[in-house]
Amino acid sequence: MRQWIGRQVIVHYENDGMMQVRGTVERMNYTDKSLILGPGMQSIPFERISIIQPLHTDSRNRSRAKLHSVGYIMTDMLQFDNAVYFQSAVTVWQGERLIAYNSSVRSHDRDFVIMTDGRKLSKKDYTFVVRSLRGC
């Protein structure tokens, strides 16, 4: 049951009829033989649990990795190489105008960047901000 710790789940359990509750598995209390479900720190005895289901069925939502809130302006060729290799989230700005949000770079050379949607953008006319993944 340790694989559920930290994940958002739906717990189906018996309590004067079948009940279900949603929350995040905070920990397992092996002395009381119960599962602690947040945010209300509800204790559910192991013997009453009939099934535990992940709250999100989409594999992208099950990942613990999240986009980091801090972005970095790409200026170096290696930064562009890494953005292509890791398919990092890239935001493109032209001055104060947002051109692309949460896009990715397909390729680049010394002067131009080709986005995954096919747009060819000049490095000197646009600002490219990369956000990396944080987590496991």
Protein backbone atom coordinates (compact mmCIF):
# COMPACT_ATOMS: atom_id res chain seq x y z
CA MET A 1 0.00 0.00 0.00
CA ARG A 2 3.02 2.30 0.18
CA GLN A 3 2.69 3.06 -3.54
CA TRP A 4 -0.39 5.18 -2.73
CA ILE A 5 1.38 7.59 -0.36
CA GLY A 6 1.29 11.13 -1.74
CA ARG A 7 -1.22 10.30 -4.48
CA GLN A 8 -4.76 11.60 -4.88
CA VAL A 9 -7.19 8.70 -4.66
CA ILE A 10 -10.79 7.62 -4.26
CA VAL A 11 -11.19 5.15 -1.40
CA HIS A 12 -14.26 2.88 -1.34
CA TYR A 13 -14.91 1.48 2.13
CA GLU A 14 -17.62 -0.08 4.31
CA ASN A 15 -19.13 2.13 7.02
CA ASP A 16 -22.82 1.31 7.60
CA GLY A 17 -23.11 0.90 3.85
CA MET A 18 -20.63 1.48 1.04
CA MET A 19 -18.95 4.91 1.21
CA GLN A 20 -16.39 6.66 -0.93
CA VAL A 21 -14.07 9.53 -0.12
CA ARG A 22 -11.54 11.50 -2.17
CA GLY A 23 -8.26 12.84 -0.91
CA THR A 24 -4.51 12.45 -0.74
CA VAL A 25 -2.99 9.46 1.04
CA GLU A 26 -0.87 11.08 3.74
CA ARG A 27 0.51 7.95 5.41
CA MET A 28 -0.20 4.43 6.62
CA ASN A 29 -0.65 3.99 10.37
CA TYR A 30 0.48 0.40 10.91
CA THR A 31 -0.05 0.48 14.68
CA ASP A 32 -3.77 1.30 14.24
CA LYS A 33 -3.91 -0.59 10.89
CA SER A 34 -5.41 2.36 9.08
CA LEU A 35 -4.90 4.66 6.12
CA ILE A 36 -4.65 8.41 6.83
CA LEU A 37 -6.34 10.46 4.10
CA GLY A 38 -5.86 14.22 3.78
CA PRO A 39 -6.63 17.04 3.84
CA GLY A 40 -8.87 16.27 6.84
CA MET A 41 -6.52 13.55 8.16
CA GLN A 42 -9.38 11.00 8.08
CA SER A 43 -8.44 7.56 9.37
CA ILE A 44 -9.88 4.57 7.47
CA PRO A 45 -9.21 1.06 8.87
CA PHE A 46 -7.51 -1.34 6.43
CA GLU A 47 -10.15 -4.02 7.06
CA ARG A 48 -12.97 -1.73 5.83
CA ILE A 49 -11.27 -0.66 2.58
CA SER A 50 -12.65 -2.48 -0.44
CA ILE A 51 -10.80 -0.64 -3.24
CA ILE A 52 -8.43 2.29 -3.77
CA GLN A 53 -8.50 3.99 -7.17
CA PRO A 54 -6.26 6.77 -8.48
CA LEU A 55 -8.16 10.03 -8.80
CA HIS A 56 -6.60 10.83 -12.19
CA THR A 57 -6.57 8.13 -14.85
CA ASP A 58 -4.49 10.18 -17.30
CA SER A 59 -0.81 9.26 -16.98
CA ARG A 60 0.28 12.90 -17.24
CA ASN A 61 -1.75 13.74 -14.13
CA ARG A 62 -0.43 10.78 -12.16
CA SER A 63 3.15 11.97 -12.51
CA ARG A 64 4.57 13.71 -9.47
CA ALA A 65 6.69 15.92 -11.72
CA LYS A 66 5.28 19.41 -12.18
CA LEU A 67 6.38 22.41 -14.20
CA HIS A 68 8.60 24.66 -12.16
CA SER A 69 7.15 28.13 -11.62
CA VAL A 70 10.40 29.94 -12.42
CA GLY A 71 11.40 30.39 -16.06
CA TYR A 72 14.80 31.15 -17.53
CA ILE A 73 15.49 33.22 -20.62
CA MET A 74 17.37 31.07 -23.10
CA THR A 75 20.45 32.79 -24.49
CA ASP A 76 22.96 29.98 -24.88
CA MET A 77 22.99 27.35 -27.67
CA LEU A 78 23.20 24.60 -25.04
CA GLN A 79 19.96 25.82 -23.42
CA PHE A 80 18.18 25.52 -26.78
CA ASP A 81 19.73 22.07 -27.31
CA ASN A 82 18.44 20.93 -23.92
CA ALA A 83 14.97 22.36 -24.61
CA VAL A 84 14.82 20.31 -27.82
CA TYR A 85 16.21 17.16 -26.20
CA PHE A 86 13.99 17.25 -23.09
CA GLN A 87 10.92 18.73 -24.89
CA SER A 88 10.76 21.42 -22.21
CA ALA A 89 7.84 23.84 -21.93
CA VAL A 90 8.78 27.09 -23.67
CA THR A 91 6.99 30.43 -23.58
CA VAL A 92 7.73 32.83 -26.44
CA TRP A 93 7.46 36.60 -26.07
CA GLN A 94 7.76 39.43 -28.58
CA GLY A 95 8.38 42.43 -26.39
CA GLU A 96 5.46 42.40 -23.93
CA ARG A 97 3.22 40.33 -26.21
CA LEU A 98 2.83 36.60 -25.55
CA ILE A 99 3.30 34.63 -28.78
CA ALA A 100 3.25 31.01 -27.52
CA TYR A 101 2.54 29.52 -24.12
CA ASN A 102 3.59 26.02 -23.05
CA SER A 103 4.94 25.18 -26.48
CA SER A 104 8.12 23.29 -27.33
CA VAL A 105 11.06 23.68 -29.67
CA ARG A 106 11.52 21.21 -32.55
CA SER A 107 14.94 22.48 -33.70
CA HIS A 108 17.15 25.56 -33.81
CA ASP A 109 20.25 27.00 -35.41
CA ARG A 110 22.34 30.08 -34.70
CA ASP A 111 19.62 32.57 -35.76
CA PHE A 112 16.25 30.80 -35.83
CA VAL A 113 14.07 28.51 -33.73
CA ILE A 114 11.48 26.15 -35.24
CA MET A 115 8.58 25.42 -32.88
CA THR A 116 6.68 22.12 -32.86
CA ASP A 117 3.71 23.81 -34.57
CA GLY A 118 6.01 24.68 -37.53
CA ARG A 119 6.57 28.39 -36.84
CA LYS A 120 10.07 29.69 -37.58
CA LEU A 121 11.00 32.46 -35.15
CA SER A 122 14.07 34.68 -35.06
CA LYS A 123 16.16 34.52 -31.88
CA LYS A 124 16.88 38.26 -32.01
CA ASP A 125 13.20 39.30 -32.38
CA TYR A 126 11.72 36.96 -29.77
CA THR A 127 12.45 36.04 -26.16
CA PHE A 128 12.32 32.34 -25.30
CA VAL A 129 11.62 31.42 -21.69
CA VAL A 130 12.05 27.77 -20.67
CA ARG A 131 10.49 26.04 -17.66
CA SER A 132 11.86 22.72 -16.54
CA LEU A 133 10.19 19.81 -14.74
CA ARG A 134 10.56 19.58 -10.99
CA GLY A 135 9.97 16.34 -9.10
CA CYS A 136 10.55 12.67 -9.74
